[in-house]
Amino acid sequence: MVEKVYLLVHIEEKNNEIDLKMKEISRYLNNNGFKCTSTYWRCPWCFIDIENMEFKPGRPGVGYGKVFGEHAITFKEFKTIFDIYKKYHNKSLFDFSK
């Protein structure tokens, strides 16, 4: 189990759209260097470990780590967080240069 993960959730009114949206999320994560460690996509959420660049699709009753803020976030919110993370990744603590 990892120390901290983001719990990204996608809620759709139509159950048959869950797979399409989660595939979009999976593509985004893969295109940004994340590795998926599972293929189970029947739930509208996934766990994302930014530090290790990994993600796992959700499974009912299964947790993969302590969730940041103890609350789920949306795909849009995760992209904002990840953009900030990328901006400062591998910089010293007080380096705000572009």
N, C-alpha and C. Protein backbone atom coordinates (compact mmCIF):
# COMPACT_ATOMS: atom_id res chain seq x y z
N MET A 1 0.85 -1.18 0.00
CA MET A 1 0.00 0.00 0.00
C MET A 1 0.89 1.24 0.00
N VAL A 2 0.57 2.20 -0.85
CA VAL A 2 1.34 3.44 -0.91
C VAL A 2 0.89 4.38 0.20
N GLU A 3 1.72 5.37 0.47
CA GLU A 3 1.43 6.27 1.58
C GLU A 3 0.25 7.20 1.31
N LYS A 4 0.25 7.88 0.17
CA LYS A 4 -0.81 8.84 -0.16
C LYS A 4 -1.20 8.72 -1.62
N VAL A 5 -2.49 8.73 -1.89
CA VAL A 5 -2.99 8.67 -3.25
C VAL A 5 -4.11 9.69 -3.44
N TYR A 6 -4.35 10.06 -4.68
CA TYR A 6 -5.53 10.85 -5.01
C TYR A 6 -6.62 9.86 -5.42
N LEU A 7 -7.81 10.09 -4.95
CA LEU A 7 -8.96 9.29 -5.37
C LEU A 7 -9.74 10.12 -6.37
N LEU A 8 -9.59 9.76 -7.64
CA LEU A 8 -10.25 10.48 -8.71
C LEU A 8 -11.56 9.76 -9.01
N VAL A 9 -12.66 10.48 -9.01
CA VAL A 9 -13.96 9.86 -9.23
C VAL A 9 -14.66 10.52 -10.41
N HIS A 10 -15.38 9.70 -11.15
CA HIS A 10 -16.19 10.20 -12.25
C HIS A 10 -17.59 9.65 -12.07
N ILE A 11 -18.55 10.52 -11.95
CA ILE A 11 -19.94 10.11 -11.78
C ILE A 11 -20.71 10.48 -13.04
N GLU A 12 -21.33 9.52 -13.65
CA GLU A 12 -22.17 9.74 -14.83
C GLU A 12 -23.59 9.31 -14.52
N GLU A 13 -24.53 9.97 -15.13
CA GLU A 13 -25.92 9.56 -14.97
C GLU A 13 -26.18 8.23 -15.66
N LYS A 14 -25.52 7.99 -16.77
CA LYS A 14 -25.72 6.76 -17.53
C LYS A 14 -24.57 5.80 -17.25
N ASN A 15 -24.89 4.66 -16.72
CA ASN A 15 -23.88 3.67 -16.33
C ASN A 15 -23.01 3.23 -17.51
N ASN A 16 -23.58 3.19 -18.73
CA ASN A 16 -22.80 2.72 -19.87
C ASN A 16 -21.73 3.73 -20.31
N GLU A 17 -21.74 4.93 -19.77
CA GLU A 17 -20.73 5.93 -20.12
C GLU A 17 -19.51 5.87 -19.19
N ILE A 18 -19.59 5.09 -18.12
CA ILE A 18 -18.47 4.99 -17.18
C ILE A 18 -17.22 4.50 -17.90
N ASP A 19 -17.34 3.42 -18.67
CA ASP A 19 -16.17 2.86 -19.35
C ASP A 19 -15.52 3.87 -20.29
N LEU A 20 -16.33 4.64 -21.03
CA LEU A 20 -15.77 5.62 -21.96
C LEU A 20 -14.99 6.70 -21.23
N LYS A 21 -15.55 7.23 -20.15
CA LYS A 21 -14.86 8.29 -19.41
C LYS A 21 -13.61 7.75 -18.73
N MET A 22 -13.68 6.56 -18.16
CA MET A 22 -12.51 6.01 -17.48
C MET A 22 -11.41 5.68 -18.50
N LYS A 23 -11.78 5.31 -19.71
CA LYS A 23 -10.77 5.09 -20.75
C LYS A 23 -10.10 6.40 -21.12
N GLU A 24 -10.87 7.49 -21.16
CA GLU A 24 -10.30 8.82 -21.42
C GLU A 24 -9.31 9.19 -20.32
N ILE A 25 -9.69 8.94 -19.08
CA ILE A 25 -8.82 9.23 -17.95
C ILE A 25 -7.55 8.37 -18.03
N SER A 26 -7.72 7.10 -18.35
CA SER A 26 -6.58 6.19 -18.48
C SER A 26 -5.63 6.66 -19.57
N ARG A 27 -6.16 7.08 -20.72
CA ARG A 27 -5.32 7.60 -21.81
C ARG A 27 -4.54 8.83 -21.35
N TYR A 28 -5.22 9.75 -20.67
CA TYR A 28 -4.56 10.96 -20.17
C TYR A 28 -3.39 10.58 -19.25
N LEU A 29 -3.66 9.68 -18.32
CA LEU A 29 -2.62 9.28 -17.37
C LEU A 29 -1.46 8.58 -18.10
N ASN A 30 -1.77 7.66 -19.00
CA ASN A 30 -0.72 6.97 -19.76
C ASN A 30 0.10 7.95 -20.59
N ASN A 31 -0.56 8.90 -21.23
CA ASN A 31 0.15 9.90 -22.04
C ASN A 31 1.04 10.80 -21.21
N ASN A 32 0.78 10.88 -19.90
CA ASN A 32 1.60 11.70 -19.01
C ASN A 32 2.58 10.86 -18.19
N GLY A 33 2.83 9.63 -18.61
CA GLY A 33 3.87 8.81 -18.00
C GLY A 33 3.43 7.91 -16.85
N PHE A 34 2.14 7.86 -16.55
CA PHE A 34 1.66 6.98 -15.48
C PHE A 34 1.52 5.56 -16.00
N LYS A 35 1.75 4.61 -15.12
CA LYS A 35 1.59 3.19 -15.44
C LYS A 35 0.38 2.65 -14.69
N CYS A 36 -0.46 1.92 -15.40
CA CYS A 36 -1.62 1.28 -14.78
C CYS A 36 -1.22 -0.10 -14.30
N THR A 37 -1.59 -0.43 -13.08
CA THR A 37 -1.20 -1.72 -12.52
C THR A 37 -2.38 -2.69 -12.42
N SER A 38 -3.46 -2.38 -13.12
CA SER A 38 -4.64 -3.25 -13.12
C SER A 38 -5.47 -2.95 -14.37
N THR A 39 -6.38 -3.83 -14.71
CA THR A 39 -7.22 -3.61 -15.89
C THR A 39 -8.70 -3.59 -15.54
N TYR A 40 -9.04 -3.54 -14.29
CA TYR A 40 -10.43 -3.57 -13.85
C TYR A 40 -11.02 -2.17 -13.95
N TRP A 41 -11.97 -1.93 -14.87
CA TRP A 41 -12.53 -0.59 -15.08
C TRP A 41 -14.04 -0.57 -14.94
N ARG A 42 -14.62 -1.28 -14.01
CA ARG A 42 -16.07 -1.29 -13.87
C ARG A 42 -16.55 -0.30 -12.81
N CYS A 43 -15.69 0.46 -12.23
CA CYS A 43 -16.05 1.45 -11.21
C CYS A 43 -15.71 2.84 -11.72
N PRO A 44 -16.46 3.85 -11.29
CA PRO A 44 -16.20 5.21 -11.77
C PRO A 44 -15.16 5.96 -10.93
N TRP A 45 -14.13 5.25 -10.47
CA TRP A 45 -13.07 5.93 -9.74
C TRP A 45 -11.76 5.19 -9.94
N CYS A 46 -10.66 5.90 -9.65
CA CYS A 46 -9.34 5.27 -9.66
C CYS A 46 -8.47 5.97 -8.63
N PHE A 47 -7.42 5.28 -8.24
CA PHE A 47 -6.45 5.79 -7.28
C PHE A 47 -5.19 6.18 -8.04
N ILE A 48 -4.66 7.36 -7.75
CA ILE A 48 -3.49 7.86 -8.47
C ILE A 48 -2.38 8.21 -7.48
N ASP A 49 -1.22 7.63 -7.73
CA ASP A 49 -0.02 7.88 -6.93
C ASP A 49 0.92 8.73 -7.78
N ILE A 50 0.95 10.04 -7.54
CA ILE A 50 1.78 10.94 -8.34
C ILE A 50 3.27 10.66 -8.14
N GLU A 51 3.68 10.42 -6.92
CA GLU A 51 5.10 10.22 -6.64
C GLU A 51 5.69 9.03 -7.41
N ASN A 52 4.93 7.96 -7.53
CA ASN A 52 5.41 6.76 -8.23
C ASN A 52 4.88 6.65 -9.65
N MET A 53 4.09 7.65 -10.07
CA MET A 53 3.53 7.69 -11.42
C MET A 53 2.78 6.40 -11.76
N GLU A 54 1.88 6.01 -10.85
CA GLU A 54 1.07 4.81 -11.03
C GLU A 54 -0.40 5.13 -10.75
N PHE A 55 -1.26 4.35 -11.36
CA PHE A 55 -2.69 4.46 -11.03
C PHE A 55 -3.32 3.08 -11.07
N LYS A 56 -4.37 2.94 -10.29
CA LYS A 56 -5.10 1.69 -10.21
C LYS A 56 -6.58 1.99 -10.29
N PRO A 57 -7.29 1.29 -11.17
CA PRO A 57 -8.74 1.45 -11.21
C PRO A 57 -9.35 1.05 -9.87
N GLY A 58 -10.46 1.68 -9.53
CA GLY A 58 -11.13 1.37 -8.28
C GLY A 58 -11.79 0.01 -8.29
N ARG A 59 -11.91 -0.55 -7.12
CA ARG A 59 -12.64 -1.79 -6.90
C ARG A 59 -13.45 -1.62 -5.62
N PRO A 60 -14.69 -2.01 -5.62
CA PRO A 60 -15.50 -1.87 -4.41
C PRO A 60 -14.84 -2.56 -3.22
N GLY A 61 -14.68 -1.80 -2.13
CA GLY A 61 -14.13 -2.36 -0.90
C GLY A 61 -12.62 -2.44 -0.84
N VAL A 62 -11.92 -1.99 -1.89
CA VAL A 62 -10.45 -2.09 -1.92
C VAL A 62 -9.86 -0.69 -1.92
N GLY A 63 -8.95 -0.43 -1.00
CA GLY A 63 -8.23 0.84 -0.96
C GLY A 63 -6.77 0.59 -1.28
N TYR A 64 -6.11 1.58 -1.84
CA TYR A 64 -4.71 1.42 -2.22
C TYR A 64 -3.78 2.35 -1.45
N GLY A 65 -4.30 3.11 -0.53
CA GLY A 65 -3.49 4.02 0.25
C GLY A 65 -4.38 5.05 0.91
N LYS A 66 -3.80 5.86 1.76
CA LYS A 66 -4.55 6.93 2.41
C LYS A 66 -4.82 8.02 1.37
N VAL A 67 -6.06 8.45 1.28
CA VAL A 67 -6.47 9.43 0.27
C VAL A 67 -6.19 10.85 0.76
N PHE A 68 -5.50 11.64 -0.08
CA PHE A 68 -5.25 13.05 0.25
C PHE A 68 -6.55 13.73 0.61
N GLY A 69 -6.58 14.41 1.74
CA GLY A 69 -7.74 15.16 2.15
C GLY A 69 -8.94 14.31 2.52
N GLU A 70 -8.76 13.00 2.47
CA GLU A 70 -9.83 12.05 2.79
C GLU A 70 -11.11 12.34 2.00
N HIS A 71 -10.92 12.75 0.73
CA HIS A 71 -12.06 13.04 -0.13
C HIS A 71 -11.67 12.85 -1.59
N ALA A 72 -12.60 12.42 -2.39
CA ALA A 72 -12.37 12.24 -3.82
C ALA A 72 -12.27 13.59 -4.53
N ILE A 73 -11.63 13.59 -5.69
CA ILE A 73 -11.54 14.77 -6.54
C ILE A 73 -12.03 14.40 -7.94
N THR A 74 -12.33 15.41 -8.73
CA THR A 74 -12.77 15.19 -10.10
C THR A 74 -11.57 15.11 -11.03
N PHE A 75 -11.81 14.66 -12.26
CA PHE A 75 -10.77 14.59 -13.28
C PHE A 75 -10.20 15.98 -13.54
N LYS A 76 -11.06 16.97 -13.66
CA LYS A 76 -10.62 18.34 -13.90
C LYS A 76 -9.74 18.84 -12.75
N GLU A 77 -10.14 18.56 -11.51
CA GLU A 77 -9.34 18.97 -10.36
C GLU A 77 -7.98 18.26 -10.36
N PHE A 78 -7.97 16.98 -10.71
CA PHE A 78 -6.69 16.27 -10.76
C PHE A 78 -5.76 16.89 -11.80
N LYS A 79 -6.30 17.23 -12.98
CA LYS A 79 -5.44 17.82 -14.01
C LYS A 79 -4.82 19.13 -13.52
N THR A 80 -5.57 19.93 -12.76
CA THR A 80 -5.03 21.17 -12.19
C THR A 80 -3.90 20.84 -11.21
N ILE A 81 -4.13 19.89 -10.32
CA ILE A 81 -3.11 19.48 -9.35
C ILE A 81 -1.88 18.96 -10.07
N PHE A 82 -2.07 18.13 -11.08
CA PHE A 82 -0.94 17.55 -11.80
C PHE A 82 -0.16 18.61 -12.57
N ASP A 83 -0.84 19.60 -13.12
CA ASP A 83 -0.14 20.70 -13.80
C ASP A 83 0.77 21.44 -12.83
N ILE A 84 0.31 21.67 -11.62
CA ILE A 84 1.13 22.33 -10.59
C ILE A 84 2.29 21.43 -10.20
N TYR A 85 2.02 20.15 -10.01
CA TYR A 85 3.07 19.19 -9.67
C TYR A 85 4.17 19.18 -10.73
N LYS A 86 3.77 19.11 -12.01
CA LYS A 86 4.76 19.09 -13.09
C LYS A 86 5.60 20.38 -13.10
N LYS A 87 4.96 21.49 -12.80
CA LYS A 87 5.64 22.79 -12.82
C LYS A 87 6.81 22.82 -11.83
N TYR A 88 6.63 22.20 -10.67
CA TYR A 88 7.65 22.28 -9.62
C TYR A 88 8.42 20.99 -9.38
N HIS A 89 8.08 19.95 -10.09
CA HIS A 89 8.77 18.67 -9.91
C HIS A 89 10.26 18.82 -10.21
N ASN A 90 11.08 18.26 -9.36
CA ASN A 90 12.55 18.28 -9.49
C ASN A 90 13.16 19.67 -9.31
N LYS A 91 12.43 20.59 -8.72
CA LYS A 91 13.00 21.90 -8.40
C LYS A 91 13.26 21.96 -6.90
N SER A 92 14.16 22.83 -6.50
CA SER A 92 14.43 22.98 -5.07
C SER A 92 13.21 23.63 -4.40
N LEU A 93 13.15 23.54 -3.10
CA LEU A 93 11.98 23.92 -2.33
C LEU A 93 11.47 25.34 -2.62
N PHE A 94 12.38 26.30 -2.80
CA PHE A 94 11.95 27.68 -3.03
C PHE A 94 12.26 28.18 -4.43
N ASP A 95 12.38 27.29 -5.40
CA ASP A 95 12.63 27.66 -6.78
C ASP A 95 11.29 27.80 -7.50
N PHE A 96 10.93 29.05 -7.83
CA PHE A 96 9.68 29.32 -8.53
C PHE A 96 9.91 29.78 -9.97
N SER A 97 11.11 29.56 -10.48
CA SER A 97 11.41 29.98 -11.84
C SER A 97 10.63 29.14 -12.84
N LYS A 98 10.46 29.70 -14.02
CA LYS A 98 9.69 29.01 -15.06
C LYS A 98 10.56 28.04 -15.81
